[in-house]
Amino acid sequence: MKKQNKNEMTINQAKSIILKPYITEKTFNLIEKENKLTFIVSDRASKSDVIGALMILYEVEAAEANTYRTIHGKKAILRFKETEGARNLATTLGLV
């Protein structure tokens, strides 16, 4: 995916980058202990694309993103800048 300034990204582009949250017992523990939330993302999305899309869709800032590919697709683990950022977003999304 072409690298973009987050201000240039549209809501539809952001939705095509962050597909859905990914919750398992392990990822739930990441929310509680490490302030991290996991998402299934587009196979073409870069780390900066994911961070920008998160800001557009949910108006929260991620401090860092780590991506990896699995049989379920590409996943991104995002660590939030705000202390309770992962828990707050997970609550907003109805995950906890």
PDB file of N, CA and C in Angstrom:
ATOM      1  N   MET A   1       0.833  -1.172   0.000  1.00  0.00           N
ATOM      2  CA  MET A   1       0.000   0.000   0.000  1.00  0.00           C
ATOM      3  C   MET A   1       0.883   1.242   0.000  1.00  0.00           C
ATOM      4  N   LYS A   2       0.470   2.237  -0.722  1.00  0.00           N
ATOM      5  CA  LYS A   2       1.237   3.469  -0.815  1.00  0.00           C
ATOM      6  C   LYS A   2       1.267   4.186   0.536  1.00  0.00           C
ATOM      7  N   LYS A   3       2.441   4.628   0.946  1.00  0.00           N
ATOM      8  CA  LYS A   3       2.570   5.351   2.193  1.00  0.00           C
ATOM      9  C   LYS A   3       1.901   6.708   2.054  1.00  0.00           C
ATOM     10  N   GLN A   4       1.068   7.046   3.060  1.00  0.00           N
ATOM     11  CA  GLN A   4       0.317   8.288   2.993  1.00  0.00           C
ATOM     12  C   GLN A   4       0.436   9.038   4.301  1.00  0.00           C
ATOM     13  N   ASN A   5       0.227  10.324   4.236  1.00  0.00           N
ATOM     14  CA  ASN A   5       0.063  11.135   5.421  1.00  0.00           C
ATOM     15  C   ASN A   5      -1.290  10.759   6.012  1.00  0.00           C
ATOM     16  N   LYS A   6      -1.379  10.607   7.334  1.00  0.00           N
ATOM     17  CA  LYS A   6      -2.640  10.165   7.927  1.00  0.00           C
ATOM     18  C   LYS A   6      -3.784  11.130   7.639  1.00  0.00           C
ATOM     19  N   ASN A   7      -3.494  12.407   7.399  1.00  0.00           N
ATOM     20  CA  ASN A   7      -4.535  13.374   7.074  1.00  0.00           C
ATOM     21  C   ASN A   7      -5.106  13.149   5.682  1.00  0.00           C
ATOM     22  N   GLU A   8      -4.381  12.457   4.821  1.00  0.00           N
ATOM     23  CA  GLU A   8      -4.844  12.202   3.457  1.00  0.00           C
ATOM     24  C   GLU A   8      -5.695  10.945   3.364  1.00  0.00           C
ATOM     25  N   MET A   9      -5.690  10.121   4.377  1.00  0.00           N
ATOM     26  CA  MET A   9      -6.415   8.856   4.357  1.00  0.00           C
ATOM     27  C   MET A   9      -7.908   9.110   4.604  1.00  0.00           C
ATOM     28  N   THR A  10      -8.753   8.459   3.811  1.00  0.00           N
ATOM     29  CA  THR A  10     -10.200   8.582   4.006  1.00  0.00           C
ATOM     30  C   THR A  10     -10.668   7.494   4.977  1.00  0.00           C
ATOM     31  N   ILE A  11     -11.893   7.637   5.449  1.00  0.00           N
ATOM     32  CA  ILE A  11     -12.457   6.632   6.343  1.00  0.00           C
ATOM     33  C   ILE A  11     -12.556   5.288   5.634  1.00  0.00           C
ATOM     34  N   ASN A  12     -12.949   5.295   4.362  1.00  0.00           N
ATOM     35  CA  ASN A  12     -13.051   4.025   3.618  1.00  0.00           C
ATOM     36  C   ASN A  12     -11.695   3.363   3.453  1.00  0.00           C
ATOM     37  N   GLN A  13     -10.647   4.157   3.218  1.00  0.00           N
ATOM     38  CA  GLN A  13      -9.306   3.582   3.124  1.00  0.00           C
ATOM     39  C   GLN A  13      -8.895   2.996   4.470  1.00  0.00           C
ATOM     40  N   ALA A  14      -9.203   3.696   5.557  1.00  0.00           N
ATOM     41  CA  ALA A  14      -8.863   3.200   6.892  1.00  0.00           C
ATOM     42  C   ALA A  14      -9.587   1.897   7.180  1.00  0.00           C
ATOM     43  N   LYS A  15     -10.849   1.796   6.775  1.00  0.00           N
ATOM     44  CA  LYS A  15     -11.620   0.561   6.981  1.00  0.00           C
ATOM     45  C   LYS A  15     -11.068  -0.589   6.152  1.00  0.00           C
ATOM     46  N   SER A  16     -10.453  -0.280   5.014  1.00  0.00           N
ATOM     47  CA  SER A  16      -9.871  -1.341   4.194  1.00  0.00           C
ATOM     48  C   SER A  16      -8.509  -1.788   4.740  1.00  0.00           C
ATOM     49  N   ILE A  17      -7.937  -1.019   5.658  1.00  0.00           N
ATOM     50  CA  ILE A  17      -6.656  -1.378   6.282  1.00  0.00           C
ATOM     51  C   ILE A  17      -6.890  -2.177   7.561  1.00  0.00           C
ATOM     52  N   ILE A  18      -7.688  -1.638   8.478  1.00  0.00           N
ATOM     53  CA  ILE A  18      -8.017  -2.356   9.716  1.00  0.00           C
ATOM     54  C   ILE A  18      -9.334  -3.070   9.480  1.00  0.00           C
ATOM     55  N   LEU A  19      -9.269  -4.398   9.381  1.00  0.00           N
ATOM     56  CA  LEU A  19     -10.451  -5.176   9.014  1.00  0.00           C
ATOM     57  C   LEU A  19     -11.327  -5.502  10.216  1.00  0.00           C
ATOM     58  N   LYS A  20     -10.721  -5.981  11.307  1.00  0.00           N
ATOM     59  CA  LYS A  20     -11.504  -6.308  12.503  1.00  0.00           C
ATOM     60  C   LYS A  20     -10.565  -6.573  13.672  1.00  0.00           C
ATOM     61  N   PRO A  21     -11.089  -6.440  14.894  1.00  0.00           N
ATOM     62  CA  PRO A  21     -10.281  -6.791  16.070  1.00  0.00           C
ATOM     63  C   PRO A  21     -10.104  -8.312  16.128  1.00  0.00           C
ATOM     64  N   TYR A  22      -9.043  -8.747  16.755  1.00  0.00           N
ATOM     65  CA  TYR A  22      -8.777 -10.181  16.915  1.00  0.00           C
ATOM     66  C   TYR A  22      -8.616 -10.456  18.408  1.00  0.00           C
ATOM     67  N   ILE A  23      -9.548 -11.216  18.972  1.00  0.00           N
ATOM     68  CA  ILE A  23      -9.533 -11.464  20.409  1.00  0.00           C
ATOM     69  C   ILE A  23      -9.458 -12.964  20.684  1.00  0.00           C
ATOM     70  N   THR A  24      -8.455 -13.338  21.444  1.00  0.00           N
ATOM     71  CA  THR A  24      -8.317 -14.683  21.992  1.00  0.00           C
ATOM     72  C   THR A  24      -7.921 -14.504  23.456  1.00  0.00           C
ATOM     73  N   GLU A  25      -7.778 -15.584  24.169  1.00  0.00           N
ATOM     74  CA  GLU A  25      -7.345 -15.464  25.561  1.00  0.00           C
ATOM     75  C   GLU A  25      -5.973 -14.787  25.645  1.00  0.00           C
ATOM     76  N   LYS A  26      -5.086 -15.140  24.730  1.00  0.00           N
ATOM     77  CA  LYS A  26      -3.748 -14.540  24.721  1.00  0.00           C
ATOM     78  C   LYS A  26      -3.807 -13.043  24.420  1.00  0.00           C
ATOM     79  N   THR A  27      -4.590 -12.650  23.413  1.00  0.00           N
ATOM     80  CA  THR A  27      -4.662 -11.229  23.083  1.00  0.00           C
ATOM     81  C   THR A  27      -5.417 -10.448  24.154  1.00  0.00           C
ATOM     82  N   PHE A  28      -6.359 -11.090  24.836  1.00  0.00           N
ATOM     83  CA  PHE A  28      -7.043 -10.434  25.951  1.00  0.00           C
ATOM     84  C   PHE A  28      -6.040 -10.118  27.059  1.00  0.00           C
ATOM     85  N   ASN A  29      -5.114 -11.035  27.310  1.00  0.00           N
ATOM     86  CA  ASN A  29      -4.065 -10.783  28.312  1.00  0.00           C
ATOM     87  C   ASN A  29      -3.173  -9.623  27.893  1.00  0.00           C
ATOM     88  N   LEU A  30      -2.920  -9.456  26.600  1.00  0.00           N
ATOM     89  CA  LEU A  30      -2.128  -8.315  26.128  1.00  0.00           C
ATOM     90  C   LEU A  30      -2.820  -6.993  26.447  1.00  0.00           C
ATOM     91  N   ILE A  31      -4.147  -6.973  26.355  1.00  0.00           N
ATOM     92  CA  ILE A  31      -4.899  -5.761  26.694  1.00  0.00           C
ATOM     93  C   ILE A  31      -4.675  -5.431  28.165  1.00  0.00           C
ATOM     94  N   GLU A  32      -4.827  -6.430  29.007  1.00  0.00           N
ATOM     95  CA  GLU A  32      -4.750  -6.223  30.453  1.00  0.00           C
ATOM     96  C   GLU A  32      -3.346  -5.888  30.943  1.00  0.00           C
ATOM     97  N   LYS A  33      -2.353  -6.593  30.429  1.00  0.00           N
ATOM     98  CA  LYS A  33      -1.003  -6.503  30.998  1.00  0.00           C
ATOM     99  C   LYS A  33      -0.057  -5.571  30.253  1.00  0.00           C
ATOM    100  N   GLU A  34      -0.243  -5.413  28.934  1.00  0.00           N
ATOM    101  CA  GLU A  34       0.748  -4.678  28.141  1.00  0.00           C
ATOM    102  C   GLU A  34       0.174  -3.496  27.355  1.00  0.00           C
ATOM    103  N   ASN A  35      -1.119  -3.190  27.557  1.00  0.00           N
ATOM    104  CA  ASN A  35      -1.745  -2.066  26.864  1.00  0.00           C
ATOM    105  C   ASN A  35      -1.652  -2.223  25.341  1.00  0.00           C
ATOM    106  N   LYS A  36      -1.912  -3.452  24.860  1.00  0.00           N
ATOM    107  CA  LYS A  36      -1.835  -3.759  23.433  1.00  0.00           C
ATOM    108  C   LYS A  36      -3.139  -4.374  22.966  1.00  0.00           C
ATOM    109  N   LEU A  37      -3.503  -4.085  21.715  1.00  0.00           N
ATOM    110  CA  LEU A  37      -4.705  -4.626  21.110  1.00  0.00           C
ATOM    111  C   LEU A  37      -4.322  -5.186  19.739  1.00  0.00           C
ATOM    112  N   THR A  38      -4.938  -6.309  19.360  1.00  0.00           N
ATOM    113  CA  THR A  38      -4.603  -6.990  18.113  1.00  0.00           C
ATOM    114  C   THR A  38      -5.739  -6.848  17.102  1.00  0.00           C
ATOM    115  N   PHE A  39      -5.368  -6.595  15.848  1.00  0.00           N
ATOM    116  CA  PHE A  39      -6.336  -6.464  14.763  1.00  0.00           C
ATOM    117  C   PHE A  39      -5.905  -7.326  13.582  1.00  0.00           C
ATOM    118  N   ILE A  40      -6.888  -7.817  12.818  1.00  0.00           N
ATOM    119  CA  ILE A  40      -6.637  -8.395  11.505  1.00  0.00           C
ATOM    120  C   ILE A  40      -6.583  -7.197  10.553  1.00  0.00           C
ATOM    121  N   VAL A  41      -5.523  -7.127   9.750  1.00  0.00           N
ATOM    122  CA  VAL A  41      -5.336  -5.980   8.855  1.00  0.00           C
ATOM    123  C   VAL A  41      -5.132  -6.462   7.417  1.00  0.00           C
ATOM    124  N   SER A  42      -5.188  -5.529   6.502  1.00  0.00           N
ATOM    125  CA  SER A  42      -4.971  -5.818   5.085  1.00  0.00           C
ATOM    126  C   SER A  42      -3.570  -6.394   4.875  1.00  0.00           C
ATOM    127  N   ASP A  43      -3.455  -7.348   3.975  1.00  0.00           N
ATOM    128  CA  ASP A  43      -2.151  -7.958   3.675  1.00  0.00           C
ATOM    129  C   ASP A  43      -1.145  -6.944   3.132  1.00  0.00           C
ATOM    130  N   ARG A  44      -1.631  -5.881   2.517  1.00  0.00           N
ATOM    131  CA  ARG A  44      -0.750  -4.873   1.922  1.00  0.00           C
ATOM    132  C   ARG A  44      -0.427  -3.714   2.860  1.00  0.00           C
ATOM    133  N   ALA A  45      -1.046  -3.679   4.024  1.00  0.00           N
ATOM    134  CA  ALA A  45      -0.885  -2.538   4.930  1.00  0.00           C
ATOM    135  C   ALA A  45       0.483  -2.526   5.601  1.00  0.00           C
ATOM    136  N   SER A  46       1.095  -1.345   5.645  1.00  0.00           N
ATOM    137  CA  SER A  46       2.353  -1.176   6.379  1.00  0.00           C
ATOM    138  C   SER A  46       2.030  -0.795   7.818  1.00  0.00           C
ATOM    139  N   LYS A  47       3.046  -0.798   8.664  1.00  0.00           N
ATOM    140  CA  LYS A  47       2.851  -0.413  10.062  1.00  0.00           C
ATOM    141  C   LYS A  47       2.325   1.014  10.163  1.00  0.00           C
ATOM    142  N   SER A  48       2.880   1.922   9.373  1.00  0.00           N
ATOM    143  CA  SER A  48       2.421   3.314   9.420  1.00  0.00           C
ATOM    144  C   SER A  48       0.987   3.444   8.901  1.00  0.00           C
ATOM    145  N   ASP A  49       0.598   2.616   7.918  1.00  0.00           N
ATOM    146  CA  ASP A  49      -0.789   2.606   7.441  1.00  0.00           C
ATOM    147  C   ASP A  49      -1.730   2.215   8.579  1.00  0.00           C
ATOM    148  N   VAL A  50      -1.354   1.187   9.332  1.00  0.00           N
ATOM    149  CA  VAL A  50      -2.200   0.690  10.424  1.00  0.00           C
ATOM    150  C   VAL A  50      -2.339   1.750  11.515  1.00  0.00           C
ATOM    151  N   ILE A  51      -1.239   2.393  11.883  1.00  0.00           N
ATOM    152  CA  ILE A  51      -1.283   3.437  12.912  1.00  0.00           C
ATOM    153  C   ILE A  51      -2.154   4.606  12.445  1.00  0.00           C
ATOM    154  N   GLY A  52      -2.015   5.008  11.183  1.00  0.00           N
ATOM    155  CA  GLY A  52      -2.839   6.084  10.632  1.00  0.00           C
ATOM    156  C   GLY A  52      -4.314   5.725  10.584  1.00  0.00           C
ATOM    157  N   ALA A  53      -4.620   4.495  10.187  1.00  0.00           N
ATOM    158  CA  ALA A  53      -6.014   4.041  10.114  1.00  0.00           C
ATOM    159  C   ALA A  53      -6.642   3.986  11.501  1.00  0.00           C
ATOM    160  N   LEU A  54      -5.871   3.587  12.490  1.00  0.00           N
ATOM    161  CA  LEU A  54      -6.360   3.549  13.875  1.00  0.00           C
ATOM    162  C   LEU A  54      -6.771   4.948  14.322  1.00  0.00           C
ATOM    163  N   MET A  55      -5.964   5.933  13.988  1.00  0.00           N
ATOM    164  CA  MET A  55      -6.259   7.321  14.357  1.00  0.00           C
ATOM    165  C   MET A  55      -7.528   7.803  13.654  1.00  0.00           C
ATOM    166  N   ILE A  56      -7.684   7.472  12.378  1.00  0.00           N
ATOM    167  CA  ILE A  56      -8.864   7.895  11.617  1.00  0.00           C
ATOM    168  C   ILE A  56     -10.135   7.227  12.160  1.00  0.00           C
ATOM    169  N   LEU A  57     -10.084   5.929  12.386  1.00  0.00           N
ATOM    170  CA  LEU A  57     -11.287   5.185  12.770  1.00  0.00           C
ATOM    171  C   LEU A  57     -11.685   5.372  14.233  1.00  0.00           C
ATOM    172  N   TYR A  58     -10.705   5.399  15.125  1.00  0.00           N
ATOM    173  CA  TYR A  58     -11.014   5.359  16.555  1.00  0.00           C
ATOM    174  C   TYR A  58     -10.514   6.567  17.343  1.00  0.00           C
ATOM    175  N   GLU A  59      -9.807   7.485  16.689  1.00  0.00           N
ATOM    176  CA  GLU A  59      -9.286   8.702  17.321  1.00  0.00           C
ATOM    177  C   GLU A  59      -8.431   8.406  18.552  1.00  0.00           C
ATOM    178  N   VAL A  60      -7.595   7.376  18.442  1.00  0.00           N
ATOM    179  CA  VAL A  60      -6.614   7.045  19.481  1.00  0.00           C
ATOM    180  C   VAL A  60      -5.258   6.887  18.814  1.00  0.00           C
ATOM    181  N   GLU A  61      -4.201   7.123  19.577  1.00  0.00           N
ATOM    182  CA  GLU A  61      -2.848   7.042  19.021  1.00  0.00           C
ATOM    183  C   GLU A  61      -2.133   5.792  19.517  1.00  0.00           C
ATOM    184  N   ALA A  62      -1.475   5.138  18.594  1.00  0.00           N
ATOM    185  CA  ALA A  62      -0.651   3.987  18.927  1.00  0.00           C
ATOM    186  C   ALA A  62       0.803   4.433  19.026  1.00  0.00           C
ATOM    187  N   ALA A  63       1.507   3.913  20.017  1.00  0.00           N
ATOM    188  CA  ALA A  63       2.926   4.226  20.175  1.00  0.00           C
ATOM    189  C   ALA A  63       3.753   3.395  19.201  1.00  0.00           C
ATOM    190  N   GLU A  64       3.307   2.154  18.948  1.00  0.00           N
ATOM    191  CA  GLU A  64       4.035   1.292  18.012  1.00  0.00           C
ATOM    192  C   GLU A  64       3.109   0.228  17.458  1.00  0.00           C
ATOM    193  N   ALA A  65       3.511  -0.332  16.324  1.00  0.00           N
ATOM    194  CA  ALA A  65       2.768  -1.419  15.694  1.00  0.00           C
ATOM    195  C   ALA A  65       3.755  -2.508  15.293  1.00  0.00           C
ATOM    196  N   ASN A  66       3.370  -3.735  15.560  1.00  0.00           N
ATOM    197  CA  ASN A  66       4.125  -4.895  15.089  1.00  0.00           C
ATOM    198  C   ASN A  66       3.169  -5.713  14.238  1.00  0.00           C
ATOM    199  N   THR A  67       3.628  -6.136  13.052  1.00  0.00           N
ATOM    200  CA  THR A  67       2.775  -6.925  12.170  1.00  0.00           C
ATOM    201  C   THR A  67       3.410  -8.281  11.910  1.00  0.00           C
ATOM    202  N   TYR A  68       2.546  -9.252  11.658  1.00  0.00           N
ATOM    203  CA  TYR A  68       3.011 -10.585  11.287  1.00  0.00           C
ATOM    204  C   TYR A  68       1.906 -11.306  10.541  1.00  0.00           C
ATOM    205  N   ARG A  69       2.305 -12.283   9.743  1.00  0.00           N
ATOM    206  CA  ARG A  69       1.343 -13.039   8.940  1.00  0.00           C
ATOM    207  C   ARG A  69       1.077 -14.393   9.587  1.00  0.00           C
ATOM    208  N   THR A  70      -0.205 -14.791   9.562  1.00  0.00           N
ATOM    209  CA  THR A  70      -0.616 -16.082  10.100  1.00  0.00           C
ATOM    210  C   THR A  70      -1.552 -16.742   9.101  1.00  0.00           C
ATOM    211  N   ILE A  71      -2.044 -17.923   9.446  1.00  0.00           N
ATOM    212  CA  ILE A  71      -3.020 -18.580   8.573  1.00  0.00           C
ATOM    213  C   ILE A  71      -4.349 -17.830   8.578  1.00  0.00           C
ATOM    214  N   HIS A  72      -4.575 -16.977   9.582  1.00  0.00           N
ATOM    215  CA  HIS A  72      -5.797 -16.181   9.660  1.00  0.00           C
ATOM    216  C   HIS A  72      -5.664 -14.858   8.914  1.00  0.00           C
ATOM    217  N   GLY A  73      -4.504 -14.576   8.361  1.00  0.00           N
ATOM    218  CA  GLY A  73      -4.252 -13.315   7.679  1.00  0.00           C
ATOM    219  C   GLY A  73      -3.193 -12.513   8.404  1.00  0.00           C
ATOM    220  N   LYS A  74      -2.994 -11.298   7.972  1.00  0.00           N
ATOM    221  CA  LYS A  74      -1.992 -10.427   8.589  1.00  0.00           C
ATOM    222  C   LYS A  74      -2.585  -9.806   9.850  1.00  0.00           C
ATOM    223  N   LYS A  75      -1.807  -9.821  10.920  1.00  0.00           N
ATOM    224  CA  LYS A  75      -2.246  -9.252  12.189  1.00  0.00           C
ATOM    225  C   LYS A  75      -1.322  -8.113  12.581  1.00  0.00           C
ATOM    226  N   ALA A  76      -1.886  -7.166  13.305  1.00  0.00           N
ATOM    227  CA  ALA A  76      -1.105  -6.052  13.847  1.00  0.00           C
ATOM    228  C   ALA A  76      -1.377  -5.968  15.336  1.00  0.00           C
ATOM    229  N   ILE A  77      -0.298  -5.929  16.113  1.00  0.00           N
ATOM    230  CA  ILE A  77      -0.411  -5.708  17.552  1.00  0.00           C
ATOM    231  C   ILE A  77      -0.004  -4.261  17.794  1.00  0.00           C
ATOM    232  N   LEU A  78      -0.929  -3.487  18.344  1.00  0.00           N
ATOM    233  CA  LEU A  78      -0.712  -2.060  18.549  1.00  0.00           C
ATOM    234  C   LEU A  78      -0.588  -1.756  20.033  1.00  0.00           C
ATOM    235  N   ARG A  79       0.493  -1.061  20.399  1.00  0.00           N
ATOM    236  CA  ARG A  79       0.658  -0.589  21.777  1.00  0.00           C
ATOM    237  C   ARG A  79       0.247   0.867  21.793  1.00  0.00           C
ATOM    238  N   PHE A  80      -0.582   1.223  22.765  1.00  0.00           N
ATOM    239  CA  PHE A  80      -1.171   2.554  22.815  1.00  0.00           C
ATOM    240  C   PHE A  80      -0.338   3.523  23.638  1.00  0.00           C
ATOM    241  N   LYS A  81      -0.406   4.818  23.261  1.00  0.00           N
ATOM    242  CA  LYS A  81       0.298   5.865  24.000  1.00  0.00           C
ATOM    243  C   LYS A  81      -0.381   6.129  25.332  1.00  0.00           C
ATOM    244  N   GLU A  82      -1.710   6.190  25.326  1.00  0.00           N
ATOM    245  CA  GLU A  82      -2.479   6.436  26.538  1.00  0.00           C
ATOM    246  C   GLU A  82      -2.393   5.202  27.449  1.00  0.00           C
ATOM    247  N   THR A  83      -2.265   5.421  28.748  1.00  0.00           N
ATOM    248  CA  THR A  83      -2.072   4.334  29.713  1.00  0.00           C
ATOM    249  C   THR A  83      -3.128   3.244  29.614  1.00  0.00           C
ATOM    250  N   GLU A  84      -4.384   3.599  29.545  1.00  0.00           N
ATOM    251  CA  GLU A  84      -5.467   2.611  29.456  1.00  0.00           C
ATOM    252  C   GLU A  84      -6.056   2.563  28.042  1.00  0.00           C
ATOM    253  N   GLY A  85      -5.268   2.925  27.050  1.00  0.00           N
ATOM    254  CA  GLY A  85      -5.761   3.019  25.675  1.00  0.00           C
ATOM    255  C   GLY A  85      -6.342   1.731  25.131  1.00  0.00           C
ATOM    256  N   ALA A  86      -5.657   0.615  25.327  1.00  0.00           N
ATOM    257  CA  ALA A  86      -6.142  -0.665  24.800  1.00  0.00           C
ATOM    258  C   ALA A  86      -7.442  -1.069  25.479  1.00  0.00           C
ATOM    259  N   ARG A  87      -7.500  -0.924  26.790  1.00  0.00           N
ATOM    260  CA  ARG A  87      -8.714  -1.298  27.525  1.00  0.00           C
ATOM    261  C   ARG A  87      -9.886  -0.392  27.110  1.00  0.00           C
ATOM    262  N   ASN A  88      -9.635   0.910  26.988  1.00  0.00           N
ATOM    263  CA  ASN A  88     -10.699   1.841  26.613  1.00  0.00           C
ATOM    264  C   ASN A  88     -11.252   1.534  25.224  1.00  0.00           C
ATOM    265  N   LEU A  89     -10.360   1.276  24.253  1.00  0.00           N
ATOM    266  CA  LEU A  89     -10.826   0.959  22.909  1.00  0.00           C
ATOM    267  C   LEU A  89     -11.535  -0.396  22.876  1.00  0.00           C
ATOM    268  N   ALA A  90     -11.016  -1.375  23.592  1.00  0.00           N
ATOM    269  CA  ALA A  90     -11.661  -2.689  23.641  1.00  0.00           C
ATOM    270  C   ALA A  90     -13.067  -2.578  24.244  1.00  0.00           C
ATOM    271  N   THR A  91     -13.222  -1.732  25.247  1.00  0.00           N
ATOM    272  CA  THR A  91     -14.535  -1.497  25.846  1.00  0.00           C
ATOM    273  C   THR A  91     -15.466  -0.818  24.846  1.00  0.00           C
ATOM    274  N   THR A  92     -14.970   0.189  24.144  1.00  0.00           N
ATOM    275  CA  THR A  92     -15.750   0.903  23.136  1.00  0.00           C
ATOM    276  C   THR A  92     -16.219  -0.060  22.033  1.00  0.00           C
ATOM    277  N   LEU A  93     -15.342  -0.998  21.652  1.00  0.00           N
ATOM    278  CA  LEU A  93     -15.668  -1.961  20.591  1.00  0.00           C
ATOM    279  C   LEU A  93     -16.515  -3.123  21.099  1.00  0.00           C
ATOM    280  N   GLY A  94     -16.759  -3.190  22.416  1.00  0.00           N
ATOM    281  CA  GLY A  94     -17.560  -4.264  22.996  1.00  0.00           C
ATOM    282  C   GLY A  94     -16.812  -5.577  23.121  1.00  0.00           C
ATOM    283  N   LEU A  95     -15.487  -5.514  23.230  1.00  0.00           N
ATOM    284  CA  LEU A  95     -14.685  -6.737  23.314  1.00  0.00           C
ATOM    285  C   LEU A  95     -14.490  -7.208  24.750  1.00  0.00           C
ATOM    286  N   VAL A  96     -14.601  -6.286  25.702  1.00  0.00           N
ATOM    287  CA  VAL A  96     -14.449  -6.645  27.128  1.00  0.00           C
ATOM    288  C   VAL A  96     -15.669  -6.179  27.898  1.00  0.00           C
TER     289      VAL A  96
END
